[in-house]
């Protein structure tokens, strides 16, 4: 049988566990929702900052290329004079190739290569006066993946006489976005207007021109992401969440100014909520401490209740055995609570039952006397004599002698002098017999 202290400890532990667990779960839920809300509000701003950074890097690269094209030696359109300057600038700026195309599209580059780029869109735009920074595409010269810078070359009369063309390795955009890491696993990537990946920490995705919008047509796992990227290629800004490779992510996105690209900044939801782990550990620690304190309190209360209850049980057993003389030696009846009321009740029962027993004892003695004696004279009656004879017979005390006498004339005395005189005569005779 479990003691009351054990039951109290179990009850307190369960109650505290449920309360702390419930409050902890509620606190964790609302805290996580609050953090996610803040992150979702913050992500579009981060995406816009990332878009501005990419745009600045692109414009900075174009400005550097424009400064090279504005040099007189480049304006001269004399390859022999241009080549040394271009070689030096390529070394300083990390170009994969650099060269000059004439108005017909004939391109000469360093290292020494020649090709015609007249049908290339970037050349057509640059020869019309635009400055172009292309997305990654396959070079006609060596079939490598490159990003092209193309800026017009003006002569002293401000007429376009050629195009300066410089090629970066296609990873240049990915190196820019790699600066935008959020948390341990968050990253940024860029899509072109068709949804092809043109910058990503995993450059293989760029090489394969990964397109989630197209992949979603055959793989339902990309539907959430494709829906967000569909908004991206429409040059919209926003935020959303999606599952990717069994990881829940949050993404903010924004268009890159001056281009037809869009950039996305992602964060892993679990990493965003990682700060809540400290709170979760605190809740667990507080719960454990509360349970320990609850156990101590339950143990103390159990002992406080157990002692008087055990004493009460003992009193009940004593009364069941017929002992109603025990008094409250421990002083429990003095307590001003339910325990005190219980023992006051026991004391009252003791008093009343003891009084009743004493009365019954006296009544028993009185009844026995009346059963064995004559009510008037006090002499033993016939019942007593017969009882004694049977007792002596059982004990083998025989023979037994009995003296029998009769009082004559009693009726005449009663009739002549009254019942009272007859009673007085009987009393006088009883005294003689005694």
Protein backbone atom coordinates (compact mmCIF):
# COMPACT_ATOMS: atom_id res chain seq x y z
CA UNK A 1 0.00 0.00 0.00
CA UNK A 2 1.39 3.39 -0.99
CA UNK A 3 1.70 5.88 1.84
CA UNK A 4 0.02 9.27 1.62
CA UNK A 5 3.43 10.97 1.37
CA UNK A 6 4.30 8.85 -1.67
CA UNK A 7 0.99 9.70 -3.28
CA UNK A 8 1.47 13.38 -2.55
CA UNK A 9 4.97 13.30 -4.06
CA UNK A 10 3.68 11.61 -7.19
CA UNK A 11 0.74 14.02 -7.44
CA UNK A 12 2.94 17.10 -6.91
CA UNK A 13 5.50 15.85 -9.44
CA UNK A 14 2.85 15.17 -12.06
CA UNK A 15 1.12 18.50 -11.46
CA UNK A 16 4.38 20.48 -11.63
CA UNK A 17 5.50 18.56 -14.71
CA UNK A 18 2.22 19.27 -16.48
CA UNK A 19 2.23 22.94 -15.47
CA UNK A 20 5.88 23.56 -16.36
CA UNK A 21 5.64 21.49 -19.52
CA UNK A 22 2.47 23.26 -20.60
CA UNK A 23 3.78 26.73 -19.85
CA UNK A 24 7.12 25.89 -21.47
CA UNK A 25 5.43 24.62 -24.62
CA UNK A 26 3.24 27.71 -24.83
CA UNK A 27 6.21 30.01 -24.23
CA UNK A 28 8.31 28.19 -26.84
CA UNK A 29 5.49 28.31 -29.38
CA UNK A 30 4.81 32.02 -29.01
CA UNK A 31 8.52 32.87 -28.87
CA UNK A 32 9.21 30.87 -32.03
CA UNK A 33 6.26 32.47 -33.79
CA UNK A 34 7.49 35.89 -32.71
CA UNK A 35 11.01 35.23 -33.97
CA UNK A 36 9.72 33.85 -37.27
CA UNK A 37 7.53 36.92 -37.69
CA UNK A 38 10.49 39.23 -37.07
CA UNK A 39 12.65 37.23 -39.49
CA UNK A 40 9.95 37.26 -42.16
CA UNK A 41 9.66 41.02 -41.77
CA UNK A 42 13.45 41.36 -41.91
CA UNK A 43 14.16 39.05 -44.87
CA UNK A 44 12.82 41.36 -47.63
CA UNK A 45 15.09 44.10 -46.30
CA UNK A 46 18.06 41.74 -46.33
CA UNK A 47 17.21 40.68 -49.86
CA UNK A 48 17.01 44.31 -50.97
CA UNK A 49 20.38 45.03 -49.33
CA UNK A 50 21.83 42.02 -51.14
CA UNK A 51 20.37 43.23 -54.44
CA UNK A 52 21.92 46.65 -53.90
CA UNK A 53 25.28 45.04 -53.12
CA UNK A 54 25.21 42.97 -56.32
CA UNK A 55 24.16 46.02 -58.34
CA UNK A 56 26.99 48.07 -56.83
CA UNK A 57 29.53 45.34 -57.62
CA UNK A 58 28.27 45.13 -61.20
CA UNK A 59 28.34 48.90 -61.63
CA UNK A 60 31.78 49.09 -60.04
CA UNK A 61 33.09 46.50 -62.50
CA UNK A 62 31.54 48.41 -65.41
CA UNK A 63 33.03 51.68 -64.19
CA UNK A 64 36.48 50.11 -64.03
CA UNK A 65 36.05 48.73 -67.55
CA UNK A 66 34.83 52.15 -68.73
CA UNK A 67 37.90 53.81 -67.21
CA UNK A 68 40.10 51.41 -69.19
CA UNK A 69 38.13 52.08 -72.38
CA UNK A 70 38.54 55.84 -71.86
CA UNK A 71 42.33 55.66 -72.03
CA UNK A 72 43.77 57.28 -75.13
CA UNK A 73 45.79 54.22 -75.99
CA UNK A 74 42.58 52.15 -76.04
CA UNK A 75 40.74 54.82 -78.01
CA UNK A 76 43.45 54.67 -80.65
CA UNK A 77 42.14 51.25 -81.73
CA UNK A 78 45.78 50.30 -82.44
CA UNK A 79 46.14 46.73 -81.17
CA UNK A 80 49.89 46.98 -80.86
CA UNK A 81 49.46 49.86 -78.42
CA UNK A 82 46.40 48.40 -76.72
CA UNK A 83 47.80 44.94 -75.98
CA UNK A 84 50.39 45.90 -73.30
CA UNK A 85 47.85 48.04 -71.43
CA UNK A 86 45.20 45.34 -71.59
CA UNK A 87 47.67 42.71 -70.40
CA UNK A 88 48.57 44.82 -67.37
CA UNK A 89 44.93 45.53 -66.50
CA UNK A 90 43.99 41.87 -66.89
CA UNK A 91 46.70 40.91 -64.44
CA UNK A 92 45.60 43.53 -61.90
CA UNK A 93 41.86 42.96 -62.16
CA UNK A 94 41.80 39.18 -62.51
CA UNK A 95 40.13 39.02 -65.91
CA UNK A 96 40.16 35.65 -67.57
CA UNK A 97 40.43 37.39 -70.95
CA UNK A 98 40.33 40.95 -72.20
CA UNK A 99 40.21 42.34 -75.69
CA UNK A 100 38.85 44.89 -78.14
CA UNK A 101 36.26 44.40 -80.87
CA UNK A 102 36.00 46.71 -83.86
CA UNK A 103 32.61 47.99 -85.12
CA UNK A 104 32.18 44.87 -87.29
CA UNK A 105 32.48 42.56 -84.28
CA UNK A 106 35.98 41.28 -84.94
CA UNK A 107 37.43 40.58 -81.49
CA UNK A 108 41.09 40.26 -80.56
CA UNK A 109 41.84 39.13 -76.99
CA UNK A 110 44.63 38.34 -74.60
CA UNK A 111 45.68 35.56 -74.49
CA UNK A 112 46.01 35.83 -78.25
CA UNK A 113 42.67 34.77 -79.69
CA UNK A 114 40.47 36.13 -82.45
CA UNK A 115 36.78 35.60 -83.12
CA UNK A 116 33.73 37.45 -84.36
CA UNK A 117 31.08 38.45 -81.87
CA UNK A 118 28.88 40.55 -84.12
CA UNK A 119 25.79 38.46 -83.37
CA UNK A 120 26.37 38.46 -79.61
CA UNK A 121 23.74 40.48 -77.77
CA UNK A 122 26.26 42.08 -75.43
CA UNK A 123 28.26 43.38 -78.42
CA UNK A 124 25.17 44.72 -80.13
CA UNK A 125 24.17 46.62 -76.99
CA UNK A 126 27.68 47.92 -76.31
CA UNK A 127 28.22 49.13 -79.90
CA UNK A 128 25.01 51.11 -79.41
CA UNK A 129 26.43 52.79 -76.30
CA UNK A 130 25.20 50.51 -73.47
CA UNK A 131 27.38 49.07 -70.74
CA UNK A 132 26.77 45.36 -70.33
CA UNK A 133 27.50 42.82 -67.58
CA UNK A 134 26.23 39.45 -68.74
CA UNK A 135 25.02 36.46 -66.81
CA UNK A 136 27.17 33.31 -67.12
CA UNK A 137 27.25 31.78 -70.57
CA UNK A 138 29.56 29.57 -72.63
CA UNK A 139 32.49 31.34 -74.24
CA UNK A 140 32.92 30.81 -77.97
CA UNK A 141 36.69 30.91 -77.60
CA UNK A 142 37.34 28.08 -75.11
CA UNK A 143 33.82 26.82 -74.25
CA UNK A 144 34.28 27.84 -70.60
CA UNK A 145 31.56 29.48 -68.53
CA UNK A 146 32.19 33.22 -68.23
CA UNK A 147 30.57 36.55 -67.41
CA UNK A 148 31.28 39.26 -69.98
CA UNK A 149 31.87 42.96 -69.44
CA UNK A 150 31.29 45.02 -72.58
CA UNK A 151 31.61 48.82 -72.74
CA UNK A 152 31.80 51.12 -75.75
CA UNK A 153 35.08 52.76 -76.81
CA UNK A 154 34.78 56.37 -77.93
CA UNK A 155 37.23 58.35 -80.04
CA UNK A 156 38.12 61.95 -79.39
CA UNK A 157 34.98 63.02 -81.23
CA UNK A 158 32.81 60.87 -78.94
CA UNK A 159 32.01 58.43 -81.70
CA UNK A 160 31.85 54.74 -80.86
CA UNK A 161 34.79 53.10 -82.58
CA UNK A 162 34.81 49.73 -80.82
CA UNK A 163 33.92 47.71 -77.75
CA UNK A 164 36.12 46.76 -74.80
CA UNK A 165 35.34 43.16 -73.84
CA UNK A 166 36.54 41.53 -70.61
CA UNK A 167 35.66 38.07 -69.37
CA UNK A 168 35.41 37.03 -65.73
CA UNK A 169 35.17 33.45 -64.64
CA UNK A 170 31.44 32.76 -64.21
CA UNK A 171 31.95 32.22 -60.48
CA UNK A 172 32.35 36.00 -60.05
CA UNK A 173 28.64 36.40 -59.24
CA UNK A 174 28.72 33.45 -56.84
CA UNK A 175 31.69 35.00 -55.04
CA UNK A 176 29.62 38.13 -54.54
CA UNK A 177 26.61 36.25 -53.18
CA UNK A 178 28.83 34.10 -50.96
CA UNK A 179 29.46 37.24 -48.90
CA UNK A 180 25.79 37.20 -47.90
CA UNK A 181 25.68 34.06 -45.77
CA UNK A 182 23.02 34.06 -43.02
CA UNK A 183 23.72 31.78 -40.08
CA UNK A 184 25.61 28.55 -40.65
CA UNK A 185 23.58 27.22 -43.56
CA UNK A 186 21.82 30.25 -45.02
CA UNK A 187 22.95 31.58 -48.38
CA UNK A 188 22.03 33.84 -51.29
CA UNK A 189 21.59 32.96 -54.96
CA UNK A 190 20.62 34.77 -58.17
CA UNK A 191 18.18 33.84 -60.93
CA UNK A 192 17.93 35.31 -64.40
CA UNK A 193 14.62 36.32 -65.98
CA UNK A 194 13.99 32.72 -67.08
CA UNK A 195 14.52 31.24 -63.62
CA UNK A 196 17.96 29.77 -64.37
CA UNK A 197 20.45 29.82 -61.49
CA UNK A 198 23.34 32.18 -62.32
CA UNK A 199 24.92 32.49 -58.85
CA UNK A 200 24.93 29.95 -56.04
CA UNK A 201 27.31 28.68 -53.30
CA UNK A 202 27.17 25.29 -55.04
CA UNK A 203 28.60 26.36 -58.39
CA UNK A 204 27.50 23.10 -59.99
CA UNK A 205 23.96 24.47 -59.95
CA UNK A 206 25.19 27.41 -62.04
CA UNK A 207 27.00 25.12 -64.47
CA UNK A 208 23.82 23.08 -64.90
CA UNK A 209 21.65 26.23 -65.09
CA UNK A 210 19.34 24.67 -62.52
CA UNK A 211 15.74 25.85 -62.90
CA UNK A 212 13.34 24.88 -60.10
CA UNK A 213 10.36 26.26 -61.99
CA UNK A 214 10.91 23.71 -64.75
CA UNK A 215 11.77 20.94 -62.28
CA UNK A 216 8.52 21.54 -60.39
CA UNK A 217 6.59 20.36 -63.43
CA UNK A 218 7.83 16.82 -62.83
CA UNK A 219 8.75 16.93 -59.12
CA UNK A 220 6.12 18.07 -56.60
CA UNK A 221 8.85 18.59 -54.02
CA UNK A 222 9.84 21.85 -55.76
CA UNK A 223 6.33 23.34 -55.91
CA UNK A 224 6.68 25.70 -52.92
CA UNK A 225 10.10 26.93 -54.03
CA UNK A 226 9.04 27.22 -57.67
CA UNK A 227 6.05 29.34 -56.63
CA UNK A 228 8.36 31.80 -54.88
CA UNK A 229 10.85 31.83 -57.76
CA UNK A 230 8.01 32.49 -60.18
CA UNK A 231 7.43 35.73 -58.31
CA UNK A 232 11.16 36.44 -58.39
CA UNK A 233 11.45 36.30 -62.18
CA UNK A 234 8.49 38.68 -62.37
CA UNK A 235 10.80 41.17 -60.65
CA UNK A 236 8.75 41.21 -57.45
CA UNK A 237 10.03 41.55 -53.90
CA UNK A 238 8.69 39.47 -51.03
CA UNK A 239 9.20 36.68 -48.52
CA UNK A 240 8.08 33.08 -48.13
CA UNK A 241 8.98 29.70 -46.70
CA UNK A 242 9.48 26.34 -48.34
CA UNK A 243 10.85 22.83 -47.87
CA UNK A 244 14.03 22.05 -49.76
CA UNK A 245 15.92 18.78 -49.43
CA UNK A 246 13.94 17.99 -46.23
CA UNK A 247 14.91 21.31 -44.62
CA UNK A 248 12.44 24.10 -43.84
CA UNK A 249 13.75 27.45 -45.06
CA UNK A 250 12.71 31.10 -45.10
CA UNK A 251 13.49 33.18 -48.18
CA UNK A 252 13.43 36.90 -48.90
CA UNK A 253 13.85 38.05 -52.49
CA UNK A 254 14.22 41.28 -54.47
CA UNK A 255 15.12 42.39 -58.02
CA UNK A 256 18.71 43.47 -58.71
CA UNK A 257 18.62 47.09 -59.94
CA UNK A 258 19.91 47.68 -63.47
CA UNK A 259 19.56 44.00 -64.44
CA UNK A 260 16.86 41.47 -65.22
CA UNK A 261 18.08 39.30 -62.34
CA UNK A 262 16.57 38.62 -58.93
CA UNK A 263 18.39 37.65 -55.77
CA UNK A 264 17.12 35.42 -52.97
CA UNK A 265 18.46 35.34 -49.42
CA UNK A 266 17.64 32.15 -47.49
CA UNK A 267 17.85 31.08 -43.85
CA UNK A 268 17.27 27.66 -42.25
CA UNK A 269 14.28 27.89 -39.91
CA UNK A 270 15.86 25.65 -37.25
CA UNK A 271 18.96 27.85 -37.17
CA UNK A 272 16.82 30.96 -36.84
CA UNK A 273 15.13 29.34 -33.84
CA UNK A 274 18.41 28.04 -32.40
CA UNK A 275 18.45 30.90 -29.87
CA UNK A 276 15.34 29.37 -28.36
CA UNK A 277 17.39 26.34 -27.32
CA UNK A 278 18.79 28.39 -24.44
CA UNK A 279 15.27 29.24 -23.33
CA UNK A 280 14.25 25.60 -23.76
CA UNK A 281 17.14 24.46 -21.56
CA UNK A 282 16.15 27.09 -19.01
CA UNK A 283 12.57 25.82 -19.00
CA UNK A 284 13.78 22.24 -18.51
CA UNK A 285 16.11 23.30 -15.69
CA UNK A 286 13.37 25.31 -14.01
CA UNK A 287 10.98 22.38 -14.34
CA UNK A 288 13.48 19.99 -12.76
CA UNK A 289 14.11 22.43 -9.90
CA UNK A 290 10.37 22.95 -9.41
CA UNK A 291 9.82 19.17 -9.33
CA UNK A 292 12.56 18.74 -6.72
CA UNK A 293 11.10 21.51 -4.58
CA UNK A 294 7.66 19.98 -5.06
CA UNK A 295 8.96 16.59 -3.93
CA UNK A 296 10.47 18.12 -0.81
CA UNK A 297 7.26 19.99 -0.06
CA UNK A 298 5.17 16.88 -0.70
CA UNK A 299 7.48 14.82 1.52
CA UNK A 300 7.18 17.38 4.32
CA UNK A 301 3.40 17.64 4.02
CA UNK A 302 3.14 13.87 3.76
CA UNK A 303 5.02 13.42 7.01
CA UNK A 304 2.92 16.10 8.67
CA UNK A 305 -0.24 14.29 7.62
CA UNK A 306 1.04 10.74 7.97
CA UNK A 307 1.83 10.87 11.69
CA UNK A 308 -1.59 12.00 12.91
CA UNK A 309 -3.35 9.74 10.41
CA UNK A 310 -1.37 6.73 11.60
CA UNK A 311 -2.20 7.71 15.18
CA UNK A 312 -5.85 8.06 14.20
CA UNK A 313 -5.78 4.57 12.67
CA UNK A 314 -4.21 3.23 15.86
CA UNK A 315 -6.95 4.88 17.92
CA UNK A 316 -9.59 3.26 15.71
CA UNK A 317 -7.99 -0.16 16.25
CA UNK A 318 -7.88 0.43 20.01
CA UNK A 319 -11.54 1.39 20.07
CA UNK A 320 -12.37 -1.63 17.90
CA UNK A 321 -10.65 -3.74 20.58
CA UNK A 322 -12.81 -2.11 23.27
CA UNK A 323 -10.19 0.24 24.71
CA UNK A 324 -11.77 3.65 25.11
CA UNK A 325 -9.47 4.92 27.81
CA UNK A 326 -6.62 6.20 25.60
CA UNK A 327 -6.04 9.95 25.70
CA UNK A 328 -4.45 12.25 23.11
CA UNK A 329 -0.92 12.29 24.50
CA UNK A 330 0.55 13.87 21.33
CA UNK A 331 -1.67 16.93 21.60
CA UNK A 332 -3.14 16.53 18.10
CA UNK A 333 -6.55 17.57 19.41
CA UNK A 334 -5.12 21.01 20.19
CA UNK A 335 -4.44 21.74 16.51
CA UNK A 336 -6.76 24.31 14.95
CA UNK A 337 -7.34 22.37 11.74
CA UNK A 338 -8.99 19.23 10.36
CA UNK A 339 -6.53 16.98 12.24
CA UNK A 340 -7.43 18.72 15.48
CA UNK A 341 -11.15 18.31 14.73
CA UNK A 342 -10.58 14.59 14.02
CA UNK A 343 -8.85 13.95 17.34
CA UNK A 344 -11.36 16.08 19.22
CA UNK A 345 -13.99 13.77 17.77
CA UNK A 346 -12.02 10.73 18.96
CA UNK A 347 -11.75 12.22 22.46
CA UNK A 348 -15.49 12.89 22.52
CA UNK A 349 -16.19 9.31 21.45
CA UNK A 350 -13.86 8.04 24.20
CA UNK A 351 -15.61 10.11 26.85
CA UNK A 352 -19.14 9.22 25.80
CA UNK A 353 -18.46 5.52 25.26
CA UNK A 354 -16.51 5.25 28.56
CA UNK A 355 -19.42 6.89 30.36
CA UNK A 356 -21.86 4.52 28.68
CA UNK A 357 -19.75 1.48 29.60
CA UNK A 358 -19.61 2.59 33.23
CA UNK A 359 -23.38 3.02 33.29
CA UNK A 360 -23.84 -0.40 31.72
CA UNK A 361 -21.53 -1.96 34.31
CA UNK A 362 -23.56 -0.46 37.15
CA UNK A 363 -26.80 -1.51 35.47
CA UNK A 364 -25.53 -5.04 35.06
CA UNK A 365 -24.67 -5.29 38.75
CA UNK A 366 -28.05 -3.87 39.67
CA UNK A 367 -29.90 -6.28 37.38
CA UNK A 368 -27.94 -9.22 38.78
CA UNK A 369 -28.80 -8.19 42.36
CA UNK A 370 -32.49 -7.84 41.51
CA UNK A 371 -32.46 -11.20 39.75
CA UNK A 372 -31.02 -13.00 42.80
CA UNK A 373 -32.71 -11.15 45.72
CA UNK A 374 -36.20 -10.51 46.92
CA UNK A 375 -37.14 -6.91 46.27
CA UNK A 376 -38.68 -6.37 49.74
CA UNK A 377 -36.51 -8.28 52.19
CA UNK A 378 -33.23 -8.40 50.30
CA UNK A 379 -32.97 -12.13 50.93
CA UNK A 380 -31.82 -14.50 48.21
CA UNK A 381 -34.73 -15.73 46.14
CA UNK A 382 -35.59 -19.07 44.62
CA UNK A 383 -33.65 -18.29 41.38
CA UNK A 384 -30.49 -17.78 43.42
CA UNK A 385 -31.02 -21.01 45.37
CA UNK A 386 -31.59 -23.03 42.21
CA UNK A 387 -28.54 -21.48 40.58
CA UNK A 388 -26.36 -22.30 43.57
CA UNK A 389 -27.67 -25.87 43.75
CA UNK A 390 -26.86 -26.44 40.06
CA UNK A 391 -23.40 -24.95 40.55
CA UNK A 392 -22.68 -27.14 43.57
CA UNK A 393 -23.98 -30.18 41.73
CA UNK A 394 -21.69 -29.48 38.72
CA UNK A 395 -18.78 -29.14 41.12
CA UNK A 396 -19.66 -32.46 42.76
CA UNK A 397 -20.41 -30.99 46.20
CA UNK A 398 -23.09 -33.42 47.37
CA UNK A 399 -25.21 -34.18 49.29
CA UNK A 400 -26.82 -30.77 49.68
CA UNK A 401 -29.15 -29.87 52.51
CA UNK A 402 -31.89 -27.27 52.24
CA UNK A 403 -33.91 -25.87 55.19
CA UNK A 404 -37.44 -24.92 54.19
CA UNK A 405 -39.75 -22.92 56.44
CA UNK A 406 -43.13 -21.31 56.04
CA UNK A 407 -44.59 -18.19 57.64
CA UNK A 408 -48.20 -18.89 58.67
CA UNK A 409 -50.85 -16.27 59.16
CA UNK A 410 -49.34 -13.69 56.80
CA UNK A 411 -52.52 -13.37 54.80
CA UNK A 412 -54.53 -12.74 57.98
CA UNK A 413 -52.11 -9.96 59.00
CA UNK A 414 -52.37 -8.38 55.54
CA UNK A 415 -56.16 -8.58 55.60
CA UNK A 416 -56.48 -7.35 59.20
CA UNK A 417 -53.75 -4.71 59.46
CA UNK A 418 -52.93 -3.89 55.84
CA UNK A 419 -50.20 -4.60 53.29
CA UNK A 420 -47.72 -2.31 54.97
CA UNK A 421 -47.93 -4.17 58.28
CA UNK A 422 -47.51 -7.45 56.42
CA UNK A 423 -44.36 -6.06 54.76
CA UNK A 424 -42.99 -4.99 58.14
CA UNK A 425 -43.61 -8.51 59.45
CA UNK A 426 -41.70 -9.99 56.51
CA UNK A 427 -38.77 -7.61 57.08
CA UNK A 428 -38.62 -8.53 60.77
CA UNK A 429 -38.66 -12.21 59.91
CA UNK A 430 -35.87 -11.63 57.31
CA UNK A 431 -33.68 -10.04 59.97
CA UNK A 432 -34.22 -13.10 62.20
CA UNK A 433 -33.19 -15.42 59.34
CA UNK A 434 -30.07 -13.40 58.61
